[in-house]
Amino acid sequence: MERKINITQHSGTGMLWFIGWLFTVGYLKLGFFKGLLGLIVWPYYLGSHFAPLVGG
């Protein structure tokens, strides 16, 4: 019996998210701790905004 293993990489999406986060921190001229807080808060607001579009 032969098993097929499918490996999918989504590093492009993560890189796009990271670039967007860095842009947001730089654009708003946030300090280190506010930028770190933005790392946690920003994905939440994006998720709550786009969830109705995706059907969540």
N, C-alpha and C. Protein backbone atom coordinates (compact mmCIF):
# COMPACT_ATOMS: atom_id res chain seq x y z
N MET A 1 0.84 -1.17 0.00
CA MET A 1 0.00 0.00 0.00
C MET A 1 0.89 1.24 0.00
N GLU A 2 0.61 2.12 -0.92
CA GLU A 2 1.42 3.32 -1.07
C GLU A 2 0.66 4.52 -0.53
N ARG A 3 1.34 5.30 0.30
CA ARG A 3 0.71 6.50 0.86
C ARG A 3 1.22 7.73 0.12
N LYS A 4 0.30 8.63 -0.13
CA LYS A 4 0.68 9.90 -0.73
C LYS A 4 0.70 10.97 0.34
N ILE A 5 1.76 11.73 0.34
CA ILE A 5 1.89 12.83 1.29
C ILE A 5 1.89 14.13 0.50
N ASN A 6 0.98 15.00 0.86
CA ASN A 6 0.85 16.28 0.18
C ASN A 6 1.30 17.38 1.14
N ILE A 7 2.34 18.10 0.78
CA ILE A 7 2.86 19.18 1.60
C ILE A 7 2.54 20.50 0.91
N THR A 8 1.86 21.37 1.63
CA THR A 8 1.49 22.67 1.10
C THR A 8 2.11 23.74 1.96
N GLN A 9 2.80 24.66 1.33
CA GLN A 9 3.42 25.76 2.06
C GLN A 9 2.66 27.04 1.79
N HIS A 10 2.40 27.78 2.86
CA HIS A 10 1.69 29.04 2.75
C HIS A 10 2.55 30.18 3.26
N SER A 11 3.82 30.13 3.00
CA SER A 11 4.73 31.15 3.52
C SER A 11 4.48 32.50 2.87
N GLY A 12 3.94 32.52 1.67
CA GLY A 12 3.65 33.80 1.01
C GLY A 12 2.60 34.61 1.76
N THR A 13 1.58 33.93 2.26
CA THR A 13 0.54 34.62 3.02
C THR A 13 1.09 35.18 4.32
N GLY A 14 1.90 34.40 5.00
CA GLY A 14 2.51 34.87 6.24
C GLY A 14 3.46 36.03 6.00
N MET A 15 4.18 35.98 4.92
CA MET A 15 5.10 37.07 4.59
C MET A 15 4.32 38.35 4.26
N LEU A 16 3.22 38.21 3.54
CA LEU A 16 2.38 39.36 3.23
C LEU A 16 1.81 39.97 4.50
N TRP A 17 1.37 39.13 5.43
CA TRP A 17 0.86 39.61 6.72
C TRP A 17 1.96 40.35 7.47
N PHE A 18 3.15 39.82 7.51
CA PHE A 18 4.26 40.44 8.23
C PHE A 18 4.65 41.78 7.60
N ILE A 19 4.66 41.85 6.28
CA ILE A 19 4.96 43.11 5.60
C ILE A 19 3.88 44.15 5.91
N GLY A 20 2.63 43.73 5.92
CA GLY A 20 1.54 44.64 6.27
C GLY A 20 1.65 45.15 7.69
N TRP A 21 2.05 44.27 8.59
CA TRP A 21 2.23 44.67 9.99
C TRP A 21 3.37 45.67 10.12
N LEU A 22 4.48 45.41 9.45
CA LEU A 22 5.61 46.35 9.50
C LEU A 22 5.22 47.70 8.89
N PHE A 23 4.46 47.67 7.79
CA PHE A 23 4.02 48.91 7.18
C PHE A 23 3.13 49.71 8.14
N THR A 24 2.22 49.01 8.81
CA THR A 24 1.32 49.68 9.75
C THR A 24 2.09 50.29 10.90
N VAL A 25 3.03 49.57 11.46
CA VAL A 25 3.84 50.08 12.57
C VAL A 25 4.65 51.29 12.11
N GLY A 26 5.23 51.23 10.94
CA GLY A 26 6.02 52.35 10.43
C GLY A 26 5.17 53.55 10.05
N TYR A 27 4.03 53.30 9.44
CA TYR A 27 3.16 54.39 9.00
C TYR A 27 2.61 55.16 10.19
N LEU A 28 2.25 54.45 11.25
CA LEU A 28 1.70 55.10 12.43
C LEU A 28 2.79 55.60 13.39
N LYS A 29 4.05 55.31 13.05
CA LYS A 29 5.20 55.73 13.87
C LYS A 29 5.06 55.25 15.32
N LEU A 30 4.73 53.97 15.46
CA LEU A 30 4.56 53.39 16.77
C LEU A 30 5.91 53.02 17.37
N GLY A 31 5.99 53.06 18.68
CA GLY A 31 7.18 52.61 19.38
C GLY A 31 7.20 51.09 19.45
N PHE A 32 8.18 50.56 20.16
CA PHE A 32 8.36 49.10 20.20
C PHE A 32 7.17 48.41 20.87
N PHE A 33 6.77 48.90 22.06
CA PHE A 33 5.71 48.21 22.80
C PHE A 33 4.34 48.39 22.15
N LYS A 34 4.08 49.55 21.57
CA LYS A 34 2.83 49.74 20.85
C LYS A 34 2.82 48.89 19.57
N GLY A 35 3.97 48.75 18.95
CA GLY A 35 4.07 47.89 17.78
C GLY A 35 3.85 46.43 18.14
N LEU A 36 4.37 46.03 19.29
CA LEU A 36 4.17 44.66 19.77
C LEU A 36 2.70 44.41 20.10
N LEU A 37 2.06 45.41 20.71
CA LEU A 37 0.63 45.30 20.97
C LEU A 37 -0.15 45.21 19.66
N GLY A 38 0.28 45.99 18.66
CA GLY A 38 -0.36 45.93 17.35
C GLY A 38 -0.23 44.57 16.70
N LEU A 39 0.83 43.85 17.04
CA LEU A 39 1.02 42.50 16.51
C LEU A 39 -0.10 41.57 16.97
N ILE A 40 -0.67 41.87 18.14
CA ILE A 40 -1.74 41.05 18.69
C ILE A 40 -3.11 41.58 18.28
N VAL A 41 -3.29 42.90 18.32
CA VAL A 41 -4.60 43.51 18.10
C VAL A 41 -4.95 43.58 16.62
N TRP A 42 -3.99 43.90 15.76
CA TRP A 42 -4.24 44.09 14.34
C TRP A 42 -4.87 42.86 13.67
N PRO A 43 -4.35 41.63 13.89
CA PRO A 43 -4.99 40.46 13.27
C PRO A 43 -6.42 40.24 13.76
N TYR A 44 -6.70 40.59 15.02
CA TYR A 44 -8.06 40.43 15.53
C TYR A 44 -9.03 41.31 14.75
N TYR A 45 -8.67 42.58 14.58
CA TYR A 45 -9.56 43.49 13.87
C TYR A 45 -9.69 43.12 12.40
N LEU A 46 -8.62 42.66 11.78
CA LEU A 46 -8.72 42.20 10.40
C LEU A 46 -9.64 40.99 10.30
N GLY A 47 -9.49 40.06 11.23
CA GLY A 47 -10.34 38.87 11.23
C GLY A 47 -11.80 39.19 11.46
N SER A 48 -12.08 40.10 12.39
CA SER A 48 -13.47 40.47 12.64
C SER A 48 -14.07 41.25 11.48
N HIS A 49 -13.24 41.97 10.75
CA HIS A 49 -13.73 42.73 9.58
C HIS A 49 -14.04 41.81 8.40
N PHE A 50 -13.15 40.85 8.13
CA PHE A 50 -13.29 40.01 6.95
C PHE A 50 -14.08 38.72 7.20
N ALA A 51 -14.41 38.40 8.44
CA ALA A 51 -15.14 37.17 8.73
C ALA A 51 -16.50 37.10 8.02
N PRO A 52 -17.28 38.18 7.99
CA PRO A 52 -18.56 38.09 7.26
C PRO A 52 -18.39 37.84 5.77
N LEU A 53 -17.32 38.32 5.18
CA LEU A 53 -17.09 38.09 3.76
C LEU A 53 -16.76 36.63 3.45
N VAL A 54 -16.06 35.99 4.39
CA VAL A 54 -15.64 34.61 4.20
C VAL A 54 -16.75 33.64 4.63
N GLY A 55 -17.64 34.13 5.46
CA GLY A 55 -18.75 33.27 5.91
C GLY A 55 -18.56 32.75 7.32
N GLY A 56 -17.72 33.43 8.10
CA GLY A 56 -17.43 32.98 9.46
C GLY A 56 -18.30 33.56 10.50
